[in-house]
Structures are given as structure tokens and as C-alpha cells.
Amino acid sequence: MLIHPWDAPHDDAEWQHWLAGRDFGQLAVNGLPGEPPWVQPLHFAYDAERGEAVTHLARPNPLWAALEAHPEVVLSVVDDYVYVPGPWQAPPRTPPEHGTPTSFYAAVQLRCTAHLVDDPEAKAGVLNRQMAHFQPEGGSARVAAGEVPYGRLLSGIRGIRLEVTGVRAKFKYASHRPAETRERIAAGLAARGGPGDAAAREHLLRRGTGT
């Protein structure tokens, strides 16, 4: 992922705050010799204090051999993306049709070391951490090894702890464009009002002021 200086996060707090509101991404795993990489969509729960994310997958998932052979993986999260028409991006005092269309998006890529979790009690711990994140209101029984209703299901999954070893983050929202162009783009996003436009406009305005 190319990160220009103007697209880099202002500080760690910026990407951490953004990632805290997201819990679905894609896990990229190097393939075995002769195979392409694996890319697995999944829910995860990220814990900034522990510096790790936890998740689980079904035992029949075909990526396990690759993950065991290559535990260095990337968890990729992309959101707040929109298409920006060319005329919106035209530099000041140039014809609108000379503007270059582009994409806006925010992305965080966590480089991780994957630790597989097969012990039943440890797997129950991973699931309970995920449940606490996704269903804090409760309503479901706690997962416990050897106990109903979920204990018998633990053999059908494997847990994964993703120990974060590096972070690459990007906020591509025209921060290097002149104020006049950014204002035009912001107006276009507000008028269009499509999926993602409000969030992209918020990033555009926030980063344009350096906050």
C-alpha cells in the first residue's frame, strides 16, 4: 500500500480511534509453494492494550496448512471509501473536465504473528472475548469447555490470536489539495449523499484542518 506523506495518519491515535469502530476485515496469508495467497474475510476483536486481535475459523477451513507454515500475516481493514468524480478534483482556475477522478478511503493494515489456539479452555476464552465485543448486552450463554450449549462445538473451530508487530495506515482524502478544491469536493459529497459520502466528507474536512 503506497502511503504519501499527506495520506499518513497524523499520529497513532488517529488510526487507533478509527480501527476501534471496526471489526471486520480480511486476513492475508502466504500460500504454500505453488499456491496463491489466501485471503479470508472475517470478524475480529482488536484489543489495543494487549496489542492483538482475536478471531476464529472453522476447522475444515483450507487455509490452516498455509497459516501454520507462514504465521506472519496481514489483517487488512478498509472503510469509508467513495468514488470522487474528476470535475470535483480540478485544480483552481482549470476546466472542470481536466480534473482527475480518484478514490477516497481509509485503511489500516496490521502485520501480525498468528498464534493458533487449540486448547478447549483457551478457545473458549477467545470466543468469550469476541462475544464481549460483539454482544456486550449478553443474551447468550458463556462459552465454557465441556459445558452446554457451546462446549461440544469447540472441536469444530480453531482460535487465532493475532499478535500485532507492525501497522500501516492511510487516510486518502485530498489533504494535499488546495482549500478551494477540498471545499468543492466536500460540497459534492454533501450533495450526492451516497453510501460512505458523509464519512468521507468528515475525514476530508477534519484532515484539511490538521486535526
N, C-alpha and C. Protein backbone atom coordinates (compact mmCIF):
# COMPACT_ATOMS: atom_id res chain seq x y z
N MET A 1 0.85 -1.19 0.00
CA MET A 1 0.00 0.00 0.00
C MET A 1 0.89 1.25 0.00
N LEU A 2 0.77 2.05 -1.04
CA LEU A 2 1.52 3.30 -1.11
C LEU A 2 0.90 4.32 -0.15
N ILE A 3 1.75 4.95 0.66
CA ILE A 3 1.28 5.96 1.60
C ILE A 3 2.08 7.24 1.38
N HIS A 4 1.48 8.21 0.71
CA HIS A 4 2.12 9.51 0.56
C HIS A 4 2.16 10.22 1.92
N PRO A 5 3.09 11.12 2.13
CA PRO A 5 3.17 11.82 3.42
C PRO A 5 1.86 12.49 3.82
N TRP A 6 1.11 13.01 2.83
CA TRP A 6 -0.13 13.71 3.16
C TRP A 6 -1.29 12.76 3.47
N ASP A 7 -1.10 11.46 3.17
CA ASP A 7 -2.13 10.47 3.48
C ASP A 7 -1.84 9.72 4.77
N ALA A 8 -0.67 9.92 5.35
CA ALA A 8 -0.30 9.20 6.57
C ALA A 8 -1.13 9.72 7.75
N PRO A 9 -1.39 8.88 8.74
CA PRO A 9 -2.11 9.35 9.92
C PRO A 9 -1.32 10.43 10.64
N HIS A 10 -2.03 11.35 11.27
CA HIS A 10 -1.36 12.42 12.00
C HIS A 10 -0.58 11.86 13.18
N ASP A 11 -1.11 10.80 13.79
CA ASP A 11 -0.45 10.14 14.91
C ASP A 11 -1.11 8.77 15.09
N ASP A 12 -0.59 7.98 16.02
CA ASP A 12 -1.16 6.66 16.26
C ASP A 12 -2.60 6.74 16.72
N ALA A 13 -2.93 7.79 17.46
CA ALA A 13 -4.30 7.90 17.98
C ALA A 13 -5.32 7.96 16.85
N GLU A 14 -4.94 8.53 15.70
CA GLU A 14 -5.90 8.66 14.60
C GLU A 14 -6.32 7.29 14.07
N TRP A 15 -5.34 6.45 13.76
CA TRP A 15 -5.73 5.14 13.23
C TRP A 15 -6.32 4.24 14.31
N GLN A 16 -5.85 4.38 15.55
CA GLN A 16 -6.40 3.56 16.63
C GLN A 16 -7.86 3.89 16.88
N HIS A 17 -8.20 5.18 16.85
CA HIS A 17 -9.60 5.59 17.03
C HIS A 17 -10.46 5.06 15.90
N TRP A 18 -9.95 5.15 14.68
CA TRP A 18 -10.70 4.67 13.52
C TRP A 18 -10.90 3.16 13.60
N LEU A 19 -9.84 2.41 13.93
CA LEU A 19 -9.94 0.96 13.97
C LEU A 19 -10.84 0.49 15.11
N ALA A 20 -10.91 1.25 16.18
CA ALA A 20 -11.74 0.85 17.32
C ALA A 20 -13.21 0.71 16.93
N GLY A 21 -13.62 1.40 15.88
CA GLY A 21 -15.01 1.33 15.44
C GLY A 21 -15.24 0.29 14.36
N ARG A 22 -14.26 -0.58 14.11
CA ARG A 22 -14.38 -1.56 13.03
C ARG A 22 -13.93 -2.93 13.50
N ASP A 23 -14.58 -3.95 12.99
CA ASP A 23 -14.28 -5.30 13.46
C ASP A 23 -14.50 -6.36 12.38
N PHE A 24 -14.41 -5.94 11.12
CA PHE A 24 -14.48 -6.90 10.01
C PHE A 24 -13.40 -6.54 9.00
N GLY A 25 -12.64 -7.55 8.58
CA GLY A 25 -11.57 -7.29 7.63
C GLY A 25 -11.21 -8.53 6.86
N GLN A 26 -10.02 -8.54 6.30
CA GLN A 26 -9.54 -9.68 5.52
C GLN A 26 -8.16 -10.07 6.03
N LEU A 27 -8.00 -11.36 6.28
CA LEU A 27 -6.73 -11.89 6.75
C LEU A 27 -5.98 -12.44 5.54
N ALA A 28 -4.81 -11.87 5.26
CA ALA A 28 -3.98 -12.30 4.13
C ALA A 28 -2.88 -13.22 4.64
N VAL A 29 -2.83 -14.44 4.06
CA VAL A 29 -1.88 -15.47 4.48
C VAL A 29 -1.10 -15.92 3.26
N ASN A 30 0.22 -16.00 3.38
CA ASN A 30 1.04 -16.50 2.27
C ASN A 30 0.65 -17.94 1.94
N GLY A 31 0.55 -18.24 0.65
CA GLY A 31 0.23 -19.59 0.23
C GLY A 31 1.42 -20.51 0.33
N LEU A 32 1.14 -21.81 0.28
CA LEU A 32 2.21 -22.79 0.20
C LEU A 32 2.86 -22.73 -1.17
N PRO A 33 4.02 -23.31 -1.37
CA PRO A 33 4.68 -23.25 -2.68
C PRO A 33 3.73 -23.69 -3.81
N GLY A 34 3.68 -22.85 -4.84
CA GLY A 34 2.82 -23.14 -5.97
C GLY A 34 1.39 -22.69 -5.81
N GLU A 35 1.05 -22.13 -4.63
CA GLU A 35 -0.31 -21.66 -4.38
C GLU A 35 -0.33 -20.14 -4.28
N PRO A 36 -1.44 -19.52 -4.64
CA PRO A 36 -1.58 -18.08 -4.41
C PRO A 36 -1.83 -17.82 -2.93
N PRO A 37 -1.75 -16.56 -2.49
CA PRO A 37 -2.06 -16.25 -1.10
C PRO A 37 -3.52 -16.55 -0.78
N TRP A 38 -3.78 -16.80 0.48
CA TRP A 38 -5.15 -16.94 0.97
C TRP A 38 -5.61 -15.58 1.47
N VAL A 39 -6.87 -15.24 1.19
CA VAL A 39 -7.46 -14.02 1.72
C VAL A 39 -8.80 -14.40 2.33
N GLN A 40 -8.87 -14.32 3.65
CA GLN A 40 -10.03 -14.81 4.39
C GLN A 40 -10.81 -13.64 5.02
N PRO A 41 -12.05 -13.37 4.57
CA PRO A 41 -12.88 -12.38 5.25
C PRO A 41 -13.28 -12.91 6.64
N LEU A 42 -13.26 -12.02 7.64
CA LEU A 42 -13.63 -12.48 8.98
C LEU A 42 -13.93 -11.33 9.92
N HIS A 43 -14.71 -11.64 10.95
CA HIS A 43 -14.89 -10.75 12.08
C HIS A 43 -13.69 -10.93 13.03
N PHE A 44 -13.33 -9.87 13.72
CA PHE A 44 -12.25 -9.94 14.71
C PHE A 44 -12.54 -8.95 15.82
N ALA A 45 -11.89 -9.14 16.94
CA ALA A 45 -11.96 -8.19 18.05
C ALA A 45 -10.55 -7.71 18.34
N TYR A 46 -10.32 -6.42 18.18
CA TYR A 46 -8.99 -5.84 18.36
C TYR A 46 -8.88 -5.26 19.77
N ASP A 47 -7.79 -5.57 20.44
CA ASP A 47 -7.53 -5.08 21.79
C ASP A 47 -6.24 -4.26 21.74
N ALA A 48 -6.38 -2.94 21.77
CA ALA A 48 -5.22 -2.07 21.65
C ALA A 48 -4.27 -2.23 22.83
N GLU A 49 -4.80 -2.45 24.03
CA GLU A 49 -3.94 -2.57 25.21
C GLU A 49 -3.09 -3.83 25.14
N ARG A 50 -3.65 -4.92 24.65
CA ARG A 50 -2.88 -6.15 24.52
C ARG A 50 -2.05 -6.18 23.25
N GLY A 51 -2.38 -5.31 22.30
CA GLY A 51 -1.67 -5.31 21.03
C GLY A 51 -1.95 -6.54 20.21
N GLU A 52 -3.21 -6.99 20.22
CA GLU A 52 -3.56 -8.17 19.46
C GLU A 52 -5.03 -8.14 19.08
N ALA A 53 -5.36 -8.96 18.08
CA ALA A 53 -6.74 -9.19 17.68
C ALA A 53 -7.01 -10.68 17.83
N VAL A 54 -8.25 -11.02 18.13
CA VAL A 54 -8.61 -12.43 18.24
C VAL A 54 -9.74 -12.73 17.27
N THR A 55 -9.74 -13.97 16.79
CA THR A 55 -10.76 -14.42 15.87
C THR A 55 -10.78 -15.95 15.89
N HIS A 56 -11.66 -16.54 15.10
CA HIS A 56 -11.68 -17.99 14.98
C HIS A 56 -12.25 -18.36 13.62
N LEU A 57 -11.93 -19.57 13.18
CA LEU A 57 -12.42 -20.07 11.90
C LEU A 57 -12.77 -21.54 12.06
N ALA A 58 -13.59 -22.02 11.15
CA ALA A 58 -13.99 -23.43 11.18
C ALA A 58 -12.79 -24.34 10.93
N ARG A 59 -12.76 -25.46 11.62
CA ARG A 59 -11.66 -26.40 11.46
C ARG A 59 -11.49 -26.88 10.01
N PRO A 60 -12.58 -27.06 9.22
CA PRO A 60 -12.39 -27.51 7.84
C PRO A 60 -11.83 -26.44 6.90
N ASN A 61 -11.61 -25.22 7.38
CA ASN A 61 -11.10 -24.16 6.51
C ASN A 61 -9.78 -24.60 5.87
N PRO A 62 -9.63 -24.45 4.55
CA PRO A 62 -8.43 -24.96 3.89
C PRO A 62 -7.16 -24.14 4.09
N LEU A 63 -7.23 -23.02 4.80
CA LEU A 63 -6.02 -22.18 4.92
C LEU A 63 -5.08 -22.59 6.05
N TRP A 64 -5.48 -23.58 6.88
CA TRP A 64 -4.70 -23.87 8.09
C TRP A 64 -3.26 -24.26 7.78
N ALA A 65 -3.06 -25.10 6.77
CA ALA A 65 -1.69 -25.54 6.46
C ALA A 65 -0.81 -24.35 6.10
N ALA A 66 -1.35 -23.42 5.32
CA ALA A 66 -0.60 -22.24 4.94
C ALA A 66 -0.32 -21.35 6.14
N LEU A 67 -1.30 -21.23 7.03
CA LEU A 67 -1.13 -20.39 8.21
C LEU A 67 -0.10 -20.98 9.16
N GLU A 68 -0.09 -22.30 9.29
CA GLU A 68 0.91 -22.93 10.13
C GLU A 68 2.31 -22.79 9.55
N ALA A 69 2.41 -22.83 8.22
CA ALA A 69 3.71 -22.70 7.56
C ALA A 69 4.20 -21.26 7.54
N HIS A 70 3.28 -20.32 7.49
CA HIS A 70 3.63 -18.89 7.38
C HIS A 70 2.79 -18.09 8.38
N PRO A 71 3.17 -18.05 9.63
CA PRO A 71 2.37 -17.34 10.64
C PRO A 71 2.45 -15.82 10.55
N GLU A 72 3.35 -15.29 9.71
CA GLU A 72 3.41 -13.84 9.53
C GLU A 72 2.32 -13.44 8.53
N VAL A 73 1.31 -12.71 9.00
CA VAL A 73 0.13 -12.42 8.19
C VAL A 73 -0.18 -10.93 8.25
N VAL A 74 -1.17 -10.53 7.46
CA VAL A 74 -1.65 -9.14 7.46
C VAL A 74 -3.16 -9.15 7.62
N LEU A 75 -3.65 -8.41 8.60
CA LEU A 75 -5.08 -8.18 8.77
C LEU A 75 -5.39 -6.82 8.19
N SER A 76 -6.18 -6.80 7.11
CA SER A 76 -6.44 -5.57 6.37
C SER A 76 -7.89 -5.12 6.58
N VAL A 77 -8.05 -3.84 6.90
CA VAL A 77 -9.37 -3.26 7.11
C VAL A 77 -9.48 -2.00 6.25
N VAL A 78 -10.51 -1.92 5.43
CA VAL A 78 -10.74 -0.77 4.55
C VAL A 78 -12.19 -0.31 4.73
N ASP A 79 -12.40 1.00 4.84
CA ASP A 79 -13.76 1.51 5.01
C ASP A 79 -13.79 2.99 4.60
N ASP A 80 -14.97 3.58 4.70
CA ASP A 80 -15.18 5.00 4.40
C ASP A 80 -14.66 5.35 3.00
N TYR A 81 -14.95 4.46 2.04
CA TYR A 81 -14.46 4.63 0.68
C TYR A 81 -15.56 5.20 -0.22
N VAL A 82 -15.14 6.06 -1.13
CA VAL A 82 -16.07 6.65 -2.11
C VAL A 82 -15.31 6.90 -3.41
N TYR A 83 -16.07 7.03 -4.47
CA TYR A 83 -15.53 7.46 -5.76
C TYR A 83 -15.69 8.97 -5.87
N VAL A 84 -14.64 9.64 -6.32
CA VAL A 84 -14.65 11.10 -6.46
C VAL A 84 -14.56 11.44 -7.95
N PRO A 85 -15.60 12.03 -8.54
CA PRO A 85 -15.57 12.37 -9.96
C PRO A 85 -14.46 13.36 -10.30
N GLY A 86 -13.98 13.28 -11.51
CA GLY A 86 -12.90 14.16 -11.96
C GLY A 86 -13.17 15.64 -11.79
N PRO A 87 -14.33 16.16 -12.21
CA PRO A 87 -14.57 17.61 -12.09
C PRO A 87 -14.45 18.13 -10.67
N TRP A 88 -14.77 17.33 -9.68
CA TRP A 88 -14.64 17.78 -8.30
C TRP A 88 -13.18 18.04 -7.94
N GLN A 89 -12.27 17.33 -8.58
CA GLN A 89 -10.86 17.40 -8.22
C GLN A 89 -10.07 18.40 -9.06
N ALA A 90 -10.70 19.07 -9.98
CA ALA A 90 -9.99 20.01 -10.86
C ALA A 90 -9.29 21.09 -10.03
N PRO A 91 -8.03 21.37 -10.35
CA PRO A 91 -7.33 22.45 -9.64
C PRO A 91 -8.02 23.78 -9.90
N PRO A 92 -7.85 24.74 -9.02
CA PRO A 92 -8.44 26.06 -9.23
C PRO A 92 -8.01 26.66 -10.58
N ARG A 93 -8.96 27.33 -11.22
CA ARG A 93 -8.74 28.06 -12.47
C ARG A 93 -8.35 27.13 -13.62
N THR A 94 -8.83 25.89 -13.57
CA THR A 94 -8.66 24.98 -14.69
C THR A 94 -10.02 24.43 -15.06
N PRO A 95 -10.22 24.01 -16.33
CA PRO A 95 -11.52 23.48 -16.74
C PRO A 95 -11.91 22.27 -15.88
N PRO A 96 -13.17 22.17 -15.47
CA PRO A 96 -13.60 21.03 -14.65
C PRO A 96 -13.30 19.68 -15.29
N GLU A 97 -13.40 19.65 -16.63
CA GLU A 97 -13.19 18.37 -17.31
C GLU A 97 -11.73 17.91 -17.27
N HIS A 98 -10.84 18.76 -16.79
CA HIS A 98 -9.44 18.39 -16.66
C HIS A 98 -9.13 17.75 -15.30
N GLY A 99 -10.09 17.69 -14.43
CA GLY A 99 -9.89 17.08 -13.12
C GLY A 99 -9.69 15.57 -13.24
N THR A 100 -8.97 15.00 -12.31
CA THR A 100 -8.66 13.58 -12.32
C THR A 100 -9.52 12.84 -11.30
N PRO A 101 -10.33 11.88 -11.73
CA PRO A 101 -11.13 11.12 -10.77
C PRO A 101 -10.23 10.27 -9.88
N THR A 102 -10.72 9.94 -8.71
CA THR A 102 -9.93 9.16 -7.77
C THR A 102 -10.83 8.44 -6.79
N SER A 103 -10.22 7.70 -5.89
CA SER A 103 -10.92 7.06 -4.78
C SER A 103 -10.46 7.68 -3.47
N PHE A 104 -11.38 7.84 -2.53
CA PHE A 104 -11.04 8.17 -1.15
C PHE A 104 -11.27 6.92 -0.32
N TYR A 105 -10.42 6.69 0.67
CA TYR A 105 -10.64 5.57 1.57
C TYR A 105 -9.73 5.70 2.78
N ALA A 106 -10.11 5.00 3.83
CA ALA A 106 -9.26 4.82 4.99
C ALA A 106 -8.89 3.35 5.08
N ALA A 107 -7.65 3.07 5.46
CA ALA A 107 -7.19 1.69 5.53
C ALA A 107 -6.18 1.53 6.66
N VAL A 108 -6.31 0.43 7.36
CA VAL A 108 -5.31 0.04 8.36
C VAL A 108 -4.92 -1.39 8.08
N GLN A 109 -3.63 -1.63 8.00
CA GLN A 109 -3.10 -2.98 7.80
C GLN A 109 -2.24 -3.33 9.02
N LEU A 110 -2.67 -4.37 9.72
CA LEU A 110 -1.95 -4.84 10.89
C LEU A 110 -1.07 -6.03 10.49
N ARG A 111 0.22 -5.86 10.59
CA ARG A 111 1.11 -7.01 10.38
C ARG A 111 1.14 -7.79 11.69
N CYS A 112 0.91 -9.09 11.60
CA CYS A 112 0.74 -9.88 12.81
C CYS A 112 1.48 -11.20 12.74
N THR A 113 1.77 -11.73 13.91
CA THR A 113 2.18 -13.12 14.04
C THR A 113 0.98 -13.90 14.55
N ALA A 114 0.56 -14.89 13.79
CA ALA A 114 -0.63 -15.66 14.16
C ALA A 114 -0.26 -16.78 15.11
N HIS A 115 -0.99 -16.87 16.22
CA HIS A 115 -0.83 -17.95 17.17
C HIS A 115 -2.12 -18.77 17.18
N LEU A 116 -2.03 -20.02 16.79
CA LEU A 116 -3.22 -20.86 16.72
C LEU A 116 -3.59 -21.35 18.12
N VAL A 117 -4.89 -21.38 18.37
CA VAL A 117 -5.40 -21.74 19.69
C VAL A 117 -6.25 -23.00 19.55
N ASP A 118 -5.77 -24.11 20.10
CA ASP A 118 -6.48 -25.38 20.02
C ASP A 118 -6.92 -25.93 21.37
N ASP A 119 -6.32 -25.46 22.44
CA ASP A 119 -6.75 -25.90 23.76
C ASP A 119 -8.20 -25.48 23.99
N PRO A 120 -9.09 -26.39 24.41
CA PRO A 120 -10.51 -26.05 24.54
C PRO A 120 -10.78 -24.86 25.46
N GLU A 121 -10.10 -24.79 26.59
CA GLU A 121 -10.33 -23.67 27.50
C GLU A 121 -9.83 -22.36 26.90
N ALA A 122 -8.71 -22.42 26.21
CA ALA A 122 -8.19 -21.21 25.57
C ALA A 122 -9.10 -20.77 24.42
N LYS A 123 -9.63 -21.74 23.68
CA LYS A 123 -10.58 -21.39 22.60
C LYS A 123 -11.83 -20.74 23.19
N ALA A 124 -12.29 -21.27 24.31
CA ALA A 124 -13.45 -20.66 24.96
C ALA A 124 -13.14 -19.21 25.34
N GLY A 125 -11.91 -18.96 25.80
CA GLY A 125 -11.52 -17.60 26.13
C GLY A 125 -11.55 -16.67 24.93
N VAL A 126 -11.06 -17.17 23.78
CA VAL A 126 -11.10 -16.36 22.56
C VAL A 126 -12.53 -16.03 22.18
N LEU A 127 -13.41 -17.03 22.23
CA LEU A 127 -14.80 -16.80 21.87
C LEU A 127 -15.48 -15.83 22.83
N ASN A 128 -15.19 -15.94 24.11
CA ASN A 128 -15.80 -15.03 25.08
C ASN A 128 -15.32 -13.60 24.88
N ARG A 129 -14.06 -13.44 24.48
CA ARG A 129 -13.58 -12.09 24.18
C ARG A 129 -14.31 -11.52 22.97
N GLN A 130 -14.53 -12.36 21.96
CA GLN A 130 -15.28 -11.88 20.80
C GLN A 130 -16.73 -11.56 21.18
N MET A 131 -17.34 -12.44 21.96
CA MET A 131 -18.73 -12.20 22.36
C MET A 131 -18.85 -10.91 23.17
N ALA A 132 -17.88 -10.65 24.04
CA ALA A 132 -17.93 -9.42 24.84
C ALA A 132 -17.87 -8.19 23.95
N HIS A 133 -17.17 -8.31 22.83
CA HIS A 133 -17.08 -7.18 21.89
C HIS A 133 -18.35 -7.05 21.05
N PHE A 134 -18.79 -8.14 20.46
CA PHE A 134 -19.89 -8.07 19.52
C PHE A 134 -21.27 -8.09 20.18
N GLN A 135 -21.36 -8.65 21.37
CA GLN A 135 -22.66 -8.78 22.01
C GLN A 135 -22.54 -8.39 23.48
N PRO A 136 -22.14 -7.14 23.76
CA PRO A 136 -21.93 -6.74 25.15
C PRO A 136 -23.20 -6.77 25.99
N GLU A 137 -24.35 -6.74 25.32
CA GLU A 137 -25.61 -6.80 26.05
C GLU A 137 -25.92 -8.19 26.57
N GLY A 138 -25.10 -9.18 26.18
CA GLY A 138 -25.31 -10.54 26.65
C GLY A 138 -26.43 -11.23 25.89
N GLY A 139 -27.14 -12.10 26.60
CA GLY A 139 -28.25 -12.81 25.97
C GLY A 139 -27.90 -14.20 25.51
N SER A 140 -26.60 -14.54 25.50
CA SER A 140 -26.15 -15.88 25.13
C SER A 140 -25.36 -16.47 26.28
N ALA A 141 -25.37 -17.79 26.37
CA ALA A 141 -24.62 -18.46 27.42
C ALA A 141 -23.13 -18.24 27.25
N ARG A 142 -22.40 -18.22 28.35
CA ARG A 142 -20.95 -18.08 28.29
C ARG A 142 -20.36 -19.37 27.74
N VAL A 143 -19.33 -19.24 26.94
CA VAL A 143 -18.67 -20.41 26.37
C VAL A 143 -17.74 -21.01 27.42
N ALA A 144 -17.88 -22.30 27.65
CA ALA A 144 -17.02 -23.00 28.61
C ALA A 144 -16.74 -24.40 28.08
N ALA A 145 -15.50 -24.80 28.15
CA ALA A 145 -15.12 -26.13 27.66
C ALA A 145 -15.86 -27.21 28.44
N GLY A 146 -16.44 -28.14 27.70
CA GLY A 146 -17.12 -29.28 28.32
C GLY A 146 -18.49 -28.98 28.88
N GLU A 147 -18.99 -27.77 28.66
CA GLU A 147 -20.30 -27.42 29.19
C GLU A 147 -21.25 -27.04 28.06
N VAL A 148 -22.53 -27.31 28.27
CA VAL A 148 -23.54 -26.93 27.29
C VAL A 148 -23.77 -25.43 27.38
N PRO A 149 -24.20 -24.78 26.27
CA PRO A 149 -24.53 -25.40 24.99
C PRO A 149 -23.39 -25.40 23.97
N TYR A 150 -22.29 -24.70 24.29
CA TYR A 150 -21.27 -24.49 23.26
C TYR A 150 -20.04 -25.39 23.39
N GLY A 151 -19.87 -26.02 24.55
CA GLY A 151 -18.67 -26.80 24.78
C GLY A 151 -18.43 -27.87 23.73
N ARG A 152 -19.50 -28.53 23.30
CA ARG A 152 -19.32 -29.61 22.33
C ARG A 152 -18.98 -29.08 20.94
N LEU A 153 -19.19 -27.79 20.71
CA LEU A 153 -18.91 -27.20 19.39
C LEU A 153 -17.46 -26.74 19.25
N LEU A 154 -16.73 -26.68 20.36
CA LEU A 154 -15.37 -26.14 20.31
C LEU A 154 -14.45 -26.96 19.41
N SER A 155 -14.71 -28.25 19.30
CA SER A 155 -13.84 -29.08 18.47
C SER A 155 -13.96 -28.74 16.99
N GLY A 156 -15.01 -28.04 16.62
CA GLY A 156 -15.23 -27.71 15.21
C GLY A 156 -14.57 -26.41 14.77
N ILE A 157 -13.86 -25.72 15.67
CA ILE A 157 -13.20 -24.47 15.32
C ILE A 157 -11.76 -24.47 15.81
N ARG A 158 -11.00 -23.51 15.31
CA ARG A 158 -9.67 -23.20 15.85
C ARG A 158 -9.62 -21.70 16.10
N GLY A 159 -9.07 -21.32 17.23
CA GLY A 159 -8.93 -19.91 17.54
C GLY A 159 -7.63 -19.36 16.98
N ILE A 160 -7.60 -18.05 16.81
CA ILE A 160 -6.39 -17.38 16.33
C ILE A 160 -6.16 -16.11 17.16
N ARG A 161 -4.98 -16.00 17.73
CA ARG A 161 -4.54 -14.74 18.33
C ARG A 161 -3.57 -14.08 17.36
N LEU A 162 -3.86 -12.87 16.98
CA LEU A 162 -3.03 -12.14 16.03
C LEU A 162 -2.22 -11.09 16.79
N GLU A 163 -0.97 -11.42 17.06
CA GLU A 163 -0.07 -10.51 17.78
C GLU A 163 0.44 -9.44 16.81
N VAL A 164 0.10 -8.20 17.06
CA VAL A 164 0.44 -7.11 16.14
C VAL A 164 1.92 -6.77 16.27
N THR A 165 2.62 -6.81 15.14
CA THR A 165 4.05 -6.49 15.12
C THR A 165 4.36 -5.23 14.30
N GLY A 166 3.38 -4.72 13.58
CA GLY A 166 3.59 -3.51 12.78
C GLY A 166 2.26 -3.00 12.25
N VAL A 167 2.22 -1.72 11.94
CA VAL A 167 0.99 -1.10 11.47
C VAL A 167 1.29 -0.17 10.30
N ARG A 168 0.46 -0.27 9.25
CA ARG A 168 0.48 0.69 8.15
C ARG A 168 -0.93 1.24 8.01
N ALA A 169 -1.03 2.56 8.03
CA ALA A 169 -2.35 3.19 7.99
C ALA A 169 -2.35 4.31 6.97
N LYS A 170 -3.51 4.53 6.37
CA LYS A 170 -3.64 5.53 5.32
C LYS A 170 -5.02 6.16 5.35
N PHE A 171 -5.05 7.49 5.20
CA PHE A 171 -6.30 8.24 5.11
C PHE A 171 -6.21 9.10 3.85
N LYS A 172 -6.75 8.58 2.76
CA LYS A 172 -6.61 9.23 1.45
C LYS A 172 -7.82 10.14 1.21
N TYR A 173 -7.67 11.41 1.58
CA TYR A 173 -8.78 12.35 1.50
C TYR A 173 -8.31 13.74 1.04
N ALA A 174 -7.49 13.77 0.00
CA ALA A 174 -7.13 15.02 -0.68
C ALA A 174 -6.49 16.05 0.25
N SER A 175 -5.74 15.59 1.24
CA SER A 175 -5.14 16.54 2.17
C SER A 175 -4.13 17.46 1.50
N HIS A 176 -3.60 17.06 0.34
CA HIS A 176 -2.59 17.87 -0.35
C HIS A 176 -3.22 18.83 -1.36
N ARG A 177 -4.54 18.76 -1.52
CA ARG A 177 -5.20 19.62 -2.50
C ARG A 177 -5.42 21.03 -1.93
N PRO A 178 -5.51 22.04 -2.81
CA PRO A 178 -5.80 23.40 -2.34
C PRO A 178 -7.15 23.45 -1.62
N ALA A 179 -7.28 24.42 -0.73
CA ALA A 179 -8.51 24.54 0.06
C ALA A 179 -9.73 24.67 -0.84
N GLU A 180 -9.60 25.41 -1.95
CA GLU A 180 -10.73 25.59 -2.86
C GLU A 180 -11.20 24.26 -3.43
N THR A 181 -10.26 23.40 -3.77
CA THR A 181 -10.61 22.09 -4.32
C THR A 181 -11.24 21.22 -3.25
N ARG A 182 -10.69 21.23 -2.05
CA ARG A 182 -11.27 20.43 -0.96
C ARG A 182 -12.69 20.88 -0.65
N GLU A 183 -12.93 22.17 -0.69
CA GLU A 183 -14.27 22.68 -0.42
C GLU A 183 -15.25 22.22 -1.51
N ARG A 184 -14.79 22.20 -2.76
CA ARG A 184 -15.64 21.73 -3.86
C ARG A 184 -15.98 20.26 -3.68
N ILE A 185 -14.97 19.46 -3.30
CA ILE A 185 -15.21 18.04 -3.09
C ILE A 185 -16.19 17.83 -1.93
N ALA A 186 -15.99 18.58 -0.84
CA ALA A 186 -16.88 18.45 0.31
C ALA A 186 -18.32 18.78 -0.07
N ALA A 187 -18.49 19.82 -0.88
CA ALA A 187 -19.84 20.19 -1.33
C ALA A 187 -20.44 19.10 -2.21
N GLY A 188 -19.62 18.51 -3.07
CA GLY A 188 -20.10 17.44 -3.92
C GLY A 188 -20.52 16.22 -3.13
N LEU A 189 -19.75 15.86 -2.11
CA LEU A 189 -20.10 14.71 -1.28
C LEU A 189 -21.39 14.97 -0.52
N ALA A 190 -21.55 16.19 0.00
CA ALA A 190 -22.77 16.52 0.74
C ALA A 190 -23.98 16.47 -0.17
N ALA A 191 -23.84 16.96 -1.39
CA ALA A 191 -24.98 16.97 -2.32
C ALA A 191 -25.32 15.57 -2.80
N ARG A 192 -24.30 14.76 -3.04
CA ARG A 192 -24.56 13.41 -3.54
C ARG A 192 -25.20 12.54 -2.47
N GLY A 193 -24.67 12.56 -1.27
CA GLY A 193 -25.28 11.85 -0.16
C GLY A 193 -25.37 10.34 -0.34
N GLY A 194 -24.44 9.76 -1.05
CA GLY A 194 -24.46 8.31 -1.27
C GLY A 194 -23.82 7.55 -0.13
N PRO A 195 -23.79 6.22 -0.24
CA PRO A 195 -23.15 5.41 0.80
C PRO A 195 -21.69 5.81 0.99
N GLY A 196 -21.32 6.08 2.21
CA GLY A 196 -19.94 6.44 2.52
C GLY A 196 -19.61 7.90 2.35
N ASP A 197 -20.48 8.68 1.70
CA ASP A 197 -20.15 10.08 1.42
C ASP A 197 -20.01 10.91 2.69
N ALA A 198 -20.90 10.71 3.65
CA ALA A 198 -20.84 11.52 4.88
C ALA A 198 -19.55 11.24 5.64
N ALA A 199 -19.18 9.97 5.76
CA ALA A 199 -17.96 9.63 6.48
C ALA A 199 -16.73 10.16 5.75
N ALA A 200 -16.71 10.03 4.42
CA ALA A 200 -15.58 10.54 3.65
C ALA A 200 -15.47 12.06 3.79
N ARG A 201 -16.60 12.74 3.76
CA ARG A 201 -16.60 14.20 3.91
C ARG A 201 -16.07 14.61 5.28
N GLU A 202 -16.42 13.85 6.30
CA GLU A 202 -15.92 14.15 7.64
C GLU A 202 -14.40 14.03 7.69
N HIS A 203 -13.86 12.97 7.10
CA HIS A 203 -12.41 12.82 7.05
C HIS A 203 -11.78 13.97 6.27
N LEU A 204 -12.37 14.31 5.13
CA LEU A 204 -11.84 15.37 4.29
C LEU A 204 -11.75 16.69 5.06
N LEU A 205 -12.82 17.05 5.75
CA LEU A 205 -12.83 18.30 6.48
C LEU A 205 -11.91 18.26 7.70
N ARG A 206 -11.91 17.13 8.41
CA ARG A 206 -11.09 17.00 9.61
C ARG A 206 -9.60 17.07 9.27
N ARG A 207 -9.19 16.32 8.26
CA ARG A 207 -7.77 16.28 7.93
C ARG A 207 -7.33 17.56 7.24
N GLY A 208 -8.26 18.24 6.59
CA GLY A 208 -7.93 19.51 5.96
C GLY A 208 -7.57 20.59 6.96
N THR A 209 -8.07 20.42 8.20
CA THR A 209 -7.75 21.38 9.25
C THR A 209 -6.60 20.92 10.12
N GLY A 210 -6.07 19.70 9.80
CA GLY A 210 -4.94 19.19 10.55
C GLY A 210 -5.28 18.62 11.90
N THR A 211 -6.59 18.27 12.11
CA THR A 211 -6.98 17.72 13.41
C THR A 211 -7.34 16.25 13.27
